[in-house]
């Protein structure tokens, strides 16, 4: 079913204890971990189980099929949740853009009406508000994009991700 392999190696350099010999001692450590989350035993174990009781092999195969079906259902449900969340975020962004555009049109319309009515101070206030709104939207958007990129690049890699991407 699913076998994940993770290899990790590290090196450590330490100064030697004697003061007359300044060479370094190097230590190399290597570690190999295999995580097997399959309900099916290995082939050797299956033959031993079959010697004990031939029905055990069928039992393990049924359990493996149930496990596979459960994983597929869990994956499908997870993908459905992610799709609904993504759709909700998209709708929220679209509504935000529409609201921002309508607000900007309102401020610019008020500025035009104020200029038409010969109220330059009111026109200056509303034009400043509309320009400030546009600038703040760009600054906030750039800041959020920078934060999202930094979080994406520094996200930790889990053991299963490491197994899938490296092996």
Protein backbone atom coordinates (compact mmCIF):
# COMPACT_ATOMS: atom_id res chain seq x y z
CA UNK A 1 0.00 0.00 0.00
CA UNK A 2 2.00 2.92 1.26
CA UNK A 3 5.60 2.83 2.32
CA UNK A 4 7.40 6.07 3.07
CA UNK A 5 11.16 6.22 3.27
CA UNK A 6 13.03 9.05 4.95
CA UNK A 7 16.80 9.43 4.87
CA UNK A 8 18.61 11.90 7.07
CA UNK A 9 22.35 12.48 7.37
CA UNK A 10 24.32 14.87 9.54
CA UNK A 11 27.94 15.72 10.12
CA UNK A 12 29.56 17.04 13.28
CA UNK A 13 33.10 18.40 13.55
CA UNK A 14 34.75 18.60 16.97
CA UNK A 15 38.26 19.72 17.97
CA UNK A 16 40.48 16.97 19.36
CA UNK A 17 41.03 16.94 23.12
CA UNK A 18 44.85 17.29 23.05
CA UNK A 19 46.25 20.76 22.60
CA UNK A 20 49.37 19.69 20.67
CA UNK A 21 47.45 18.01 17.85
CA UNK A 22 45.00 20.53 16.37
CA UNK A 23 43.37 18.13 13.88
CA UNK A 24 39.65 17.71 13.87
CA UNK A 25 37.55 14.67 14.57
CA UNK A 26 34.69 14.25 12.15
CA UNK A 27 31.58 12.30 12.98
CA UNK A 28 29.13 11.28 10.30
CA UNK A 29 25.70 10.10 11.26
CA UNK A 30 23.26 8.51 8.86
CA UNK A 31 19.75 7.44 9.65
CA UNK A 32 17.22 5.61 7.51
CA UNK A 33 13.63 5.31 8.67
CA UNK A 34 10.99 3.33 6.80
CA UNK A 35 7.39 3.91 7.78
CA UNK A 36 5.03 1.19 6.61
CA UNK A 37 1.37 1.96 7.20
CA UNK A 38 0.05 -0.85 5.02
CA UNK A 39 -2.29 -3.38 6.57
CA UNK A 40 -0.77 -6.08 4.32
CA UNK A 41 2.17 -7.98 5.78
CA UNK A 42 5.22 -8.74 3.66
CA UNK A 43 5.26 -11.76 1.36
CA UNK A 44 7.32 -13.81 3.79
CA UNK A 45 4.91 -13.09 6.61
CA UNK A 46 1.94 -13.93 4.37
CA UNK A 47 3.33 -17.38 3.62
CA UNK A 48 3.80 -18.00 7.35
CA UNK A 49 0.23 -16.85 8.02
CA UNK A 50 -1.03 -19.08 5.21
CA UNK A 51 0.65 -22.07 6.86
CA UNK A 52 -1.20 -21.28 10.09
CA UNK A 53 -4.59 -20.66 8.51
CA UNK A 54 -5.30 -20.18 4.77
CA UNK A 55 -8.20 -17.83 5.56
CA UNK A 56 -5.80 -15.25 7.09
CA UNK A 57 -4.53 -14.25 3.63
CA UNK A 58 -8.10 -13.54 2.52
CA UNK A 59 -8.64 -11.58 5.73
CA UNK A 60 -5.58 -9.41 5.08
CA UNK A 61 -6.65 -8.82 1.48
CA UNK A 62 -10.14 -7.77 2.63
CA UNK A 63 -8.65 -5.44 5.25
CA UNK A 64 -6.33 -3.93 2.60
CA UNK A 65 -9.30 -3.35 0.27
CA UNK A 66 -11.29 -1.70 3.06
CA UNK A 67 -8.30 0.47 3.95
CA UNK A 68 -7.89 1.52 0.32
CA UNK A 69 -11.59 2.37 0.02
CA UNK A 70 -11.45 4.37 3.26
CA UNK A 71 -8.39 6.31 2.06
CA UNK A 72 -10.05 7.08 -1.26
CA UNK A 73 -13.19 8.32 0.51
CA UNK A 74 -11.14 10.43 2.94
CA UNK A 75 -9.14 11.92 0.07
CA UNK A 76 -12.33 12.68 -1.86
CA UNK A 77 -13.91 14.37 1.17
CA UNK A 78 -10.74 16.38 1.76
CA UNK A 79 -10.67 17.54 -1.85
CA UNK A 80 -14.36 18.50 -1.67
CA UNK A 81 -13.72 20.60 1.44
CA UNK A 82 -10.74 22.32 -0.20
CA UNK A 83 -12.80 23.02 -3.35
CA UNK A 84 -15.66 24.55 -1.31
CA UNK A 85 -13.21 26.67 0.67
CA UNK A 86 -11.50 27.86 -2.49
CA UNK A 87 -14.84 28.73 -4.10
CA UNK A 88 -15.89 30.68 -0.98
CA UNK A 89 -12.62 32.64 -0.95
CA UNK A 90 -13.02 33.40 -4.66
CA UNK A 91 -16.57 34.70 -4.14
CA UNK A 92 -15.35 36.82 -1.23
CA UNK A 93 -12.60 38.35 -3.38
CA UNK A 94 -15.02 39.10 -6.22
CA UNK A 95 -17.51 40.76 -3.85
CA UNK A 96 -14.66 42.79 -2.34
CA UNK A 97 -13.58 43.98 -5.77
CA UNK A 98 -17.15 44.91 -6.72
CA UNK A 99 -17.66 46.80 -3.44
CA UNK A 100 -14.34 48.63 -3.86
CA UNK A 101 -15.21 49.60 -7.43
CA UNK A 102 -18.69 50.87 -6.44
CA UNK A 103 -17.17 52.83 -3.51
CA UNK A 104 -14.58 54.37 -5.80
CA UNK A 105 -17.28 55.36 -8.29
CA UNK A 106 -19.29 56.88 -5.43
CA UNK A 107 -16.34 58.96 -4.23
CA UNK A 108 -15.49 60.09 -7.76
CA UNK A 109 -19.18 60.88 -8.45
CA UNK A 110 -19.34 62.95 -5.27
CA UNK A 111 -16.15 64.75 -6.35
CA UNK A 112 -17.67 65.59 -9.75
CA UNK A 113 -20.92 66.81 -8.17
CA UNK A 114 -18.95 68.93 -5.66
CA UNK A 115 -16.96 70.51 -8.49
CA UNK A 116 -20.16 71.15 -10.43
CA UNK A 117 -21.70 72.86 -7.36
CA UNK A 118 -18.54 74.98 -6.96
CA UNK A 119 -17.42 73.35 -3.67
CA UNK A 120 -13.68 72.78 -4.29
CA UNK A 121 -12.91 71.90 -0.65
CA UNK A 122 -15.49 69.08 -0.69
CA UNK A 123 -14.16 67.88 -4.04
CA UNK A 124 -10.61 67.88 -2.64
CA UNK A 125 -11.69 65.80 0.38
CA UNK A 126 -13.49 63.16 -1.69
CA UNK A 127 -10.79 62.98 -4.37
CA UNK A 128 -8.17 62.55 -1.62
CA UNK A 129 -10.26 59.78 -0.06
CA UNK A 130 -10.62 57.97 -3.40
CA UNK A 131 -6.88 58.22 -4.16
CA UNK A 132 -6.03 57.09 -0.61
CA UNK A 133 -8.35 54.11 -1.04
CA UNK A 134 -6.69 53.06 -4.27
CA UNK A 135 -3.18 53.43 -2.85
CA UNK A 136 -4.04 51.54 0.35
CA UNK A 137 -5.55 48.69 -1.68
CA UNK A 138 -2.35 48.31 -3.68
CA UNK A 139 -0.12 48.55 -0.61
CA UNK A 140 -2.22 46.06 1.37
CA UNK A 141 -2.38 43.66 -1.58
CA UNK A 142 1.39 43.76 -2.10
CA UNK A 143 1.98 43.23 1.62
CA UNK A 144 -0.39 40.23 1.74
CA UNK A 145 1.25 38.72 -1.34
CA UNK A 146 4.70 39.10 0.24
CA UNK A 147 3.48 37.46 3.47
CA UNK A 148 1.85 34.60 1.55
CA UNK A 149 5.05 33.98 -0.43
CA UNK A 150 7.21 33.98 2.70
CA UNK A 151 4.85 31.56 4.46
CA UNK A 152 4.79 29.28 1.41
CA UNK A 153 8.58 29.15 1.10
CA UNK A 154 9.16 28.51 4.83
CA UNK A 155 6.45 25.88 5.25
CA UNK A 156 7.75 22.74 6.96
CA UNK A 157 7.84 19.53 4.97
CA UNK A 158 6.21 16.56 6.65
CA UNK A 159 7.59 13.04 6.55
CA UNK A 160 5.04 12.00 3.94
CA UNK A 161 5.80 15.05 1.78
CA UNK A 162 9.53 14.33 2.05
CA UNK A 163 8.92 10.75 0.99
CA UNK A 164 6.84 11.76 -2.00
CA UNK A 165 9.08 14.52 -3.29
CA UNK A 166 12.47 12.92 -2.77
CA UNK A 167 12.03 9.18 -3.38
